[in-house]
């Protein structure tokens, strides 16, 4: 089908072999063949349902508890901080220096909740495979 090319690279004095699934000498490998090679290697006849559970870091009960807790933290944190921001900016009497500082902290907290909480949940649920 296609030939494998092994190339040695040096990283801090150690030699690592990199196997490329296509010939680097010729450019005749099409994208379709390369995509077919990748999907063929993904479907292994020895793969069973118990291997899918190896991706989870904890038991399924613990994973469900994590999802509920993170969803609760996400919802309460987002709604509470949006209320603080809306009150400070809608009511003119609330626009003091201290309240603007608190609103600024609430904006930063919303950004942390939106970007970091889902990523932390995923890292707590799944095991990362280093291949």
N, C-alpha and C. Protein backbone atom coordinates (compact mmCIF):
# COMPACT_ATOMS: atom_id res chain seq x y z
N UNK A 1 0.83 -1.18 0.00
CA UNK A 1 0.00 0.00 0.00
C UNK A 1 0.87 1.25 0.00
N UNK A 2 1.53 1.52 1.07
CA UNK A 2 2.49 2.64 1.10
C UNK A 2 3.67 2.21 1.94
N UNK A 3 4.74 2.87 1.76
CA UNK A 3 5.95 2.50 2.49
C UNK A 3 6.15 3.44 3.67
N UNK A 4 6.77 2.92 4.71
CA UNK A 4 7.06 3.74 5.89
C UNK A 4 8.49 4.22 5.82
N UNK A 5 8.68 5.48 6.19
CA UNK A 5 10.01 6.07 6.18
C UNK A 5 10.37 6.38 7.61
N UNK A 6 11.53 5.96 8.02
CA UNK A 6 11.99 6.24 9.37
C UNK A 6 13.07 7.31 9.30
N UNK A 7 12.89 8.34 10.10
CA UNK A 7 13.84 9.45 10.11
C UNK A 7 14.33 9.63 11.53
N UNK A 8 15.61 9.74 11.71
CA UNK A 8 16.19 9.95 13.03
C UNK A 8 16.34 11.44 13.28
N UNK A 9 15.87 11.85 14.43
CA UNK A 9 16.05 13.24 14.83
C UNK A 9 16.76 13.24 16.17
N UNK A 10 17.43 14.31 16.47
CA UNK A 10 18.19 14.40 17.71
C UNK A 10 17.52 15.42 18.62
N UNK A 11 17.25 15.00 19.85
CA UNK A 11 16.67 15.89 20.83
C UNK A 11 17.45 15.70 22.12
N UNK A 12 18.24 16.67 22.47
CA UNK A 12 19.09 16.66 23.65
C UNK A 12 19.98 15.41 23.69
N UNK A 13 20.54 15.04 22.56
CA UNK A 13 21.49 13.95 22.51
C UNK A 13 20.88 12.58 22.33
N UNK A 14 19.57 12.41 22.51
CA UNK A 14 18.93 11.11 22.34
C UNK A 14 18.39 11.00 20.92
N UNK A 15 18.39 9.80 20.37
CA UNK A 15 17.87 9.57 19.03
C UNK A 15 16.47 9.00 19.13
N UNK A 16 15.56 9.61 18.38
CA UNK A 16 14.17 9.16 18.31
C UNK A 16 13.85 8.85 16.87
N UNK A 17 13.16 7.75 16.63
CA UNK A 17 12.76 7.39 15.27
C UNK A 17 11.33 7.84 15.06
N UNK A 18 11.07 8.54 13.98
CA UNK A 18 9.74 8.98 13.62
C UNK A 18 9.32 8.19 12.39
N UNK A 19 8.21 7.48 12.47
CA UNK A 19 7.71 6.71 11.34
C UNK A 19 6.62 7.51 10.65
N UNK A 20 6.85 7.84 9.40
CA UNK A 20 5.87 8.54 8.60
C UNK A 20 5.11 7.51 7.76
N UNK A 21 3.77 7.60 7.71
CA UNK A 21 3.00 6.60 6.95
C UNK A 21 2.96 6.89 5.45
N UNK A 22 3.85 7.71 4.97
CA UNK A 22 3.90 8.01 3.54
C UNK A 22 5.35 8.23 3.15
N UNK A 23 5.59 8.17 1.90
CA UNK A 23 6.94 8.35 1.40
C UNK A 23 7.27 9.83 1.37
N UNK A 24 8.38 10.19 1.95
CA UNK A 24 8.77 11.60 1.92
C UNK A 24 9.53 11.93 0.64
N UNK A 25 9.99 10.90 -0.07
CA UNK A 25 10.75 11.15 -1.29
C UNK A 25 9.83 11.54 -2.44
N UNK A 26 8.64 10.96 -2.48
CA UNK A 26 7.72 11.28 -3.57
C UNK A 26 6.45 11.89 -3.01
N UNK A 27 5.82 12.72 -3.78
CA UNK A 27 4.60 13.39 -3.37
C UNK A 27 3.37 12.73 -3.99
N UNK A 28 3.40 11.44 -4.24
CA UNK A 28 2.31 10.80 -4.93
C UNK A 28 1.24 10.25 -4.01
N UNK A 29 1.36 10.41 -2.71
CA UNK A 29 0.34 9.93 -1.78
C UNK A 29 -0.81 10.94 -1.76
N UNK A 30 -1.99 10.46 -2.04
CA UNK A 30 -3.14 11.36 -2.07
C UNK A 30 -3.72 11.49 -0.67
N UNK A 31 -4.52 12.50 -0.50
CA UNK A 31 -5.15 12.76 0.79
C UNK A 31 -6.14 11.64 1.13
N UNK A 32 -6.79 11.09 0.13
CA UNK A 32 -7.76 10.03 0.35
C UNK A 32 -7.06 8.79 0.90
N UNK A 33 -5.92 8.43 0.33
CA UNK A 33 -5.18 7.27 0.82
C UNK A 33 -4.69 7.49 2.24
N UNK A 34 -4.22 8.70 2.54
CA UNK A 34 -3.73 9.00 3.88
C UNK A 34 -4.87 8.94 4.89
N UNK A 35 -6.06 9.48 4.52
CA UNK A 35 -7.21 9.42 5.41
C UNK A 35 -7.67 7.98 5.60
N UNK A 36 -7.61 7.18 4.57
CA UNK A 36 -8.01 5.78 4.68
C UNK A 36 -7.05 5.02 5.61
N UNK A 37 -5.76 5.33 5.53
CA UNK A 37 -4.79 4.67 6.40
C UNK A 37 -5.06 5.02 7.86
N UNK A 38 -5.43 6.28 8.13
CA UNK A 38 -5.70 6.68 9.51
C UNK A 38 -6.95 6.02 10.06
N UNK A 39 -8.01 5.91 9.26
CA UNK A 39 -9.22 5.27 9.76
C UNK A 39 -9.04 3.78 9.89
N UNK A 40 -8.22 3.16 9.06
CA UNK A 40 -7.97 1.73 9.20
C UNK A 40 -7.27 1.43 10.52
N UNK A 41 -6.36 2.30 10.93
CA UNK A 41 -5.63 2.05 12.17
C UNK A 41 -6.47 2.36 13.40
N UNK A 42 -7.57 3.14 13.25
CA UNK A 42 -8.40 3.46 14.40
C UNK A 42 -9.30 2.29 14.78
N UNK A 43 -9.74 1.51 13.82
CA UNK A 43 -10.66 0.42 14.08
C UNK A 43 -9.87 -0.86 14.25
N UNK A 44 -9.69 -1.25 15.47
CA UNK A 44 -8.93 -2.45 15.78
C UNK A 44 -9.90 -3.56 16.13
N UNK A 45 -9.66 -4.75 15.63
CA UNK A 45 -10.56 -5.86 15.91
C UNK A 45 -10.47 -6.32 17.35
N UNK A 46 -9.43 -5.93 18.07
CA UNK A 46 -9.28 -6.31 19.47
C UNK A 46 -9.90 -5.29 20.42
N UNK A 47 -10.47 -4.20 19.88
CA UNK A 47 -11.08 -3.16 20.71
C UNK A 47 -12.43 -3.65 21.20
N UNK A 48 -12.68 -3.54 22.48
CA UNK A 48 -13.99 -3.91 23.02
C UNK A 48 -14.51 -2.79 23.90
N UNK A 49 -15.71 -2.99 24.44
CA UNK A 49 -16.34 -1.93 25.21
C UNK A 49 -15.61 -1.64 26.52
N UNK A 50 -14.93 -2.61 27.09
CA UNK A 50 -14.25 -2.35 28.35
C UNK A 50 -13.07 -1.40 28.17
N UNK A 51 -12.51 -1.34 26.95
CA UNK A 51 -11.42 -0.40 26.69
C UNK A 51 -11.90 1.04 26.68
N UNK A 52 -13.17 1.26 26.35
CA UNK A 52 -13.70 2.62 26.35
C UNK A 52 -13.74 3.19 27.75
N UNK A 53 -13.95 2.35 28.75
CA UNK A 53 -13.98 2.83 30.12
C UNK A 53 -12.59 3.16 30.64
N UNK A 54 -11.55 2.76 29.96
CA UNK A 54 -10.21 3.11 30.39
C UNK A 54 -9.92 4.58 30.15
N UNK A 55 -10.72 5.23 29.35
CA UNK A 55 -10.54 6.66 29.11
C UNK A 55 -10.99 7.49 30.30
N UNK A 56 -11.91 6.96 31.11
CA UNK A 56 -12.40 7.68 32.27
C UNK A 56 -11.39 7.57 33.41
N UNK A 57 -11.20 8.67 34.09
CA UNK A 57 -10.25 8.70 35.21
C UNK A 57 -10.86 8.05 36.46
N UNK A 58 -12.18 8.19 36.63
CA UNK A 58 -12.86 7.69 37.83
C UNK A 58 -13.99 6.75 37.40
N UNK A 59 -14.72 6.24 38.37
CA UNK A 59 -15.89 5.40 38.06
C UNK A 59 -16.98 6.28 37.46
N UNK A 60 -17.98 5.63 36.87
CA UNK A 60 -19.05 6.40 36.23
C UNK A 60 -19.86 7.18 37.26
N UNK A 61 -20.04 6.66 38.46
CA UNK A 61 -20.77 7.39 39.51
C UNK A 61 -20.01 8.65 39.91
N UNK A 62 -18.71 8.53 40.08
CA UNK A 62 -17.90 9.70 40.43
C UNK A 62 -17.90 10.71 39.29
N UNK A 63 -17.87 10.24 38.06
CA UNK A 63 -17.90 11.15 36.90
C UNK A 63 -19.21 11.91 36.84
N UNK A 64 -20.32 11.26 37.16
CA UNK A 64 -21.62 11.94 37.17
C UNK A 64 -21.66 12.99 38.27
N UNK A 65 -21.09 12.67 39.43
CA UNK A 65 -21.04 13.65 40.53
C UNK A 65 -20.19 14.85 40.14
N UNK A 66 -19.06 14.59 39.47
CA UNK A 66 -18.23 15.70 38.96
C UNK A 66 -19.02 16.58 37.99
N UNK A 67 -19.75 15.96 37.07
CA UNK A 67 -20.52 16.74 36.09
C UNK A 67 -21.58 17.60 36.77
N UNK A 68 -22.28 17.05 37.74
CA UNK A 68 -23.31 17.81 38.45
C UNK A 68 -22.68 18.96 39.24
N UNK A 69 -21.57 18.69 39.93
CA UNK A 69 -20.93 19.74 40.73
C UNK A 69 -20.39 20.86 39.84
N UNK A 70 -19.72 20.50 38.75
CA UNK A 70 -19.17 21.53 37.87
C UNK A 70 -20.28 22.32 37.17
N UNK A 71 -21.38 21.65 36.82
CA UNK A 71 -22.51 22.37 36.22
C UNK A 71 -23.12 23.34 37.21
N UNK A 72 -23.22 22.93 38.46
CA UNK A 72 -23.75 23.82 39.50
C UNK A 72 -22.83 25.02 39.71
N UNK A 73 -21.53 24.79 39.79
CA UNK A 73 -20.57 25.89 39.96
C UNK A 73 -20.62 26.82 38.76
N UNK A 74 -20.68 26.25 37.54
CA UNK A 74 -20.74 27.05 36.33
C UNK A 74 -21.99 27.93 36.31
N UNK A 75 -23.15 27.34 36.61
CA UNK A 75 -24.42 28.07 36.54
C UNK A 75 -24.49 29.17 37.59
N UNK A 76 -24.21 28.82 38.85
CA UNK A 76 -24.31 29.80 39.93
C UNK A 76 -23.28 30.92 39.75
N UNK A 77 -22.06 30.55 39.37
CA UNK A 77 -21.02 31.55 39.17
C UNK A 77 -21.34 32.49 38.02
N UNK A 78 -21.85 31.94 36.92
CA UNK A 78 -22.17 32.79 35.77
C UNK A 78 -23.33 33.72 36.07
N UNK A 79 -24.40 33.18 36.63
CA UNK A 79 -25.58 34.01 36.93
C UNK A 79 -25.26 35.06 37.99
N UNK A 80 -24.58 34.67 39.05
CA UNK A 80 -24.26 35.62 40.12
C UNK A 80 -23.36 36.76 39.65
N UNK A 81 -22.34 36.42 38.87
CA UNK A 81 -21.44 37.47 38.39
C UNK A 81 -22.11 38.36 37.35
N UNK A 82 -22.98 37.80 36.53
CA UNK A 82 -23.71 38.63 35.57
C UNK A 82 -24.68 39.58 36.28
N UNK A 83 -25.26 39.13 37.40
CA UNK A 83 -26.10 40.03 38.19
C UNK A 83 -25.28 41.18 38.78
N UNK A 84 -24.11 40.89 39.29
CA UNK A 84 -23.25 41.94 39.85
C UNK A 84 -22.88 42.95 38.77
N UNK A 85 -22.49 42.46 37.60
CA UNK A 85 -22.11 43.35 36.50
C UNK A 85 -23.28 44.21 36.07
N UNK A 86 -24.46 43.59 35.94
CA UNK A 86 -25.62 44.35 35.47
C UNK A 86 -26.07 45.40 36.48
N UNK A 87 -26.01 45.09 37.78
CA UNK A 87 -26.42 46.07 38.79
C UNK A 87 -25.46 47.24 38.82
N UNK A 88 -24.17 46.96 38.75
CA UNK A 88 -23.20 48.05 38.83
C UNK A 88 -23.31 48.97 37.62
N UNK A 89 -23.54 48.43 36.45
CA UNK A 89 -23.56 49.28 35.27
C UNK A 89 -24.93 49.86 34.94
N UNK A 90 -26.01 49.32 35.50
CA UNK A 90 -27.35 49.87 35.21
C UNK A 90 -27.78 50.95 36.20
N UNK A 91 -27.36 50.81 37.44
CA UNK A 91 -27.77 51.77 38.47
C UNK A 91 -26.65 52.80 38.62
N UNK A 92 -26.93 54.07 38.28
CA UNK A 92 -25.88 55.10 38.33
C UNK A 92 -25.31 55.32 39.73
N UNK A 93 -26.12 55.13 40.76
CA UNK A 93 -25.66 55.35 42.12
C UNK A 93 -24.64 54.30 42.56
N UNK A 94 -24.61 53.14 41.88
CA UNK A 94 -23.71 52.05 42.24
C UNK A 94 -22.34 52.17 41.56
N UNK A 95 -22.14 53.19 40.77
CA UNK A 95 -20.87 53.34 40.03
C UNK A 95 -19.81 54.07 40.85
N UNK A 96 -19.49 53.52 41.99
CA UNK A 96 -18.39 54.06 42.78
C UNK A 96 -17.11 53.33 42.38
N UNK A 97 -16.00 53.82 42.87
CA UNK A 97 -14.71 53.21 42.53
C UNK A 97 -14.65 51.77 43.04
N UNK A 98 -15.14 51.56 44.24
CA UNK A 98 -15.11 50.21 44.82
C UNK A 98 -16.00 49.26 44.03
N UNK A 99 -17.21 49.71 43.68
CA UNK A 99 -18.12 48.85 42.94
C UNK A 99 -17.64 48.59 41.51
N UNK A 100 -16.97 49.56 40.90
CA UNK A 100 -16.40 49.31 39.57
C UNK A 100 -15.27 48.28 39.66
N UNK A 101 -14.52 48.32 40.76
CA UNK A 101 -13.50 47.31 40.96
C UNK A 101 -14.13 45.93 41.14
N UNK A 102 -15.21 45.86 41.90
CA UNK A 102 -15.92 44.58 42.09
C UNK A 102 -16.51 44.10 40.76
N UNK A 103 -17.02 45.00 39.94
CA UNK A 103 -17.55 44.61 38.63
C UNK A 103 -16.43 44.12 37.73
N UNK A 104 -15.27 44.74 37.82
CA UNK A 104 -14.12 44.28 37.04
C UNK A 104 -13.71 42.87 37.47
N UNK A 105 -13.72 42.61 38.77
CA UNK A 105 -13.43 41.26 39.25
C UNK A 105 -14.49 40.26 38.79
N UNK A 106 -15.75 40.70 38.72
CA UNK A 106 -16.82 39.83 38.25
C UNK A 106 -16.65 39.50 36.77
N UNK A 107 -16.18 40.46 35.98
CA UNK A 107 -15.91 40.20 34.55
C UNK A 107 -14.79 39.18 34.41
N UNK A 108 -13.75 39.34 35.21
CA UNK A 108 -12.65 38.38 35.17
C UNK A 108 -13.12 37.00 35.62
N UNK A 109 -13.99 36.96 36.60
CA UNK A 109 -14.53 35.69 37.08
C UNK A 109 -15.40 35.01 36.03
N UNK A 110 -16.17 35.79 35.28
CA UNK A 110 -16.97 35.22 34.19
C UNK A 110 -16.07 34.60 33.13
N UNK A 111 -14.97 35.27 32.81
CA UNK A 111 -14.04 34.72 31.83
C UNK A 111 -13.41 33.42 32.33
N UNK A 112 -13.06 33.37 33.60
CA UNK A 112 -12.50 32.14 34.17
C UNK A 112 -13.53 31.03 34.15
N UNK A 113 -14.77 31.35 34.50
CA UNK A 113 -15.84 30.35 34.52
C UNK A 113 -16.10 29.81 33.11
N UNK A 114 -16.13 30.67 32.13
CA UNK A 114 -16.45 30.25 30.77
C UNK A 114 -15.32 29.43 30.15
N UNK A 115 -14.07 29.82 30.38
CA UNK A 115 -12.96 29.16 29.70
C UNK A 115 -12.29 28.06 30.53
N UNK A 116 -12.22 28.22 31.83
CA UNK A 116 -11.44 27.27 32.63
C UNK A 116 -12.25 26.14 33.25
N UNK A 117 -13.47 26.41 33.66
CA UNK A 117 -14.26 25.37 34.32
C UNK A 117 -14.56 24.19 33.39
N UNK A 118 -14.99 24.40 32.14
CA UNK A 118 -15.20 23.22 31.27
C UNK A 118 -13.91 22.46 30.98
N UNK A 119 -12.81 23.17 30.80
CA UNK A 119 -11.54 22.49 30.54
C UNK A 119 -11.08 21.70 31.76
N UNK A 120 -11.29 22.24 32.94
CA UNK A 120 -10.93 21.52 34.16
C UNK A 120 -11.80 20.29 34.35
N UNK A 121 -13.08 20.40 34.01
CA UNK A 121 -13.97 19.24 34.11
C UNK A 121 -13.49 18.14 33.17
N UNK A 122 -13.14 18.50 31.95
CA UNK A 122 -12.67 17.48 30.99
C UNK A 122 -11.37 16.83 31.46
N UNK A 123 -10.48 17.63 32.04
CA UNK A 123 -9.22 17.04 32.52
C UNK A 123 -9.43 16.18 33.76
N UNK A 124 -10.48 16.46 34.54
CA UNK A 124 -10.78 15.63 35.70
C UNK A 124 -11.53 14.36 35.31
N UNK A 125 -12.24 14.37 34.19
CA UNK A 125 -13.01 13.20 33.78
C UNK A 125 -12.18 12.19 32.99
N UNK A 126 -11.37 12.67 32.07
CA UNK A 126 -10.72 11.79 31.11
C UNK A 126 -9.23 11.68 31.37
N UNK A 127 -8.69 10.50 31.04
CA UNK A 127 -7.27 10.25 31.12
C UNK A 127 -6.66 10.62 29.79
N UNK A 128 -5.57 11.35 29.84
CA UNK A 128 -4.91 11.74 28.58
C UNK A 128 -3.96 10.64 28.16
N UNK A 129 -4.10 10.21 26.92
CA UNK A 129 -3.22 9.18 26.38
C UNK A 129 -2.04 9.85 25.72
N UNK A 130 -0.85 9.53 26.16
CA UNK A 130 0.36 10.07 25.56
C UNK A 130 0.87 9.04 24.56
N UNK A 131 0.64 9.32 23.28
CA UNK A 131 1.09 8.38 22.25
C UNK A 131 2.08 9.03 21.34
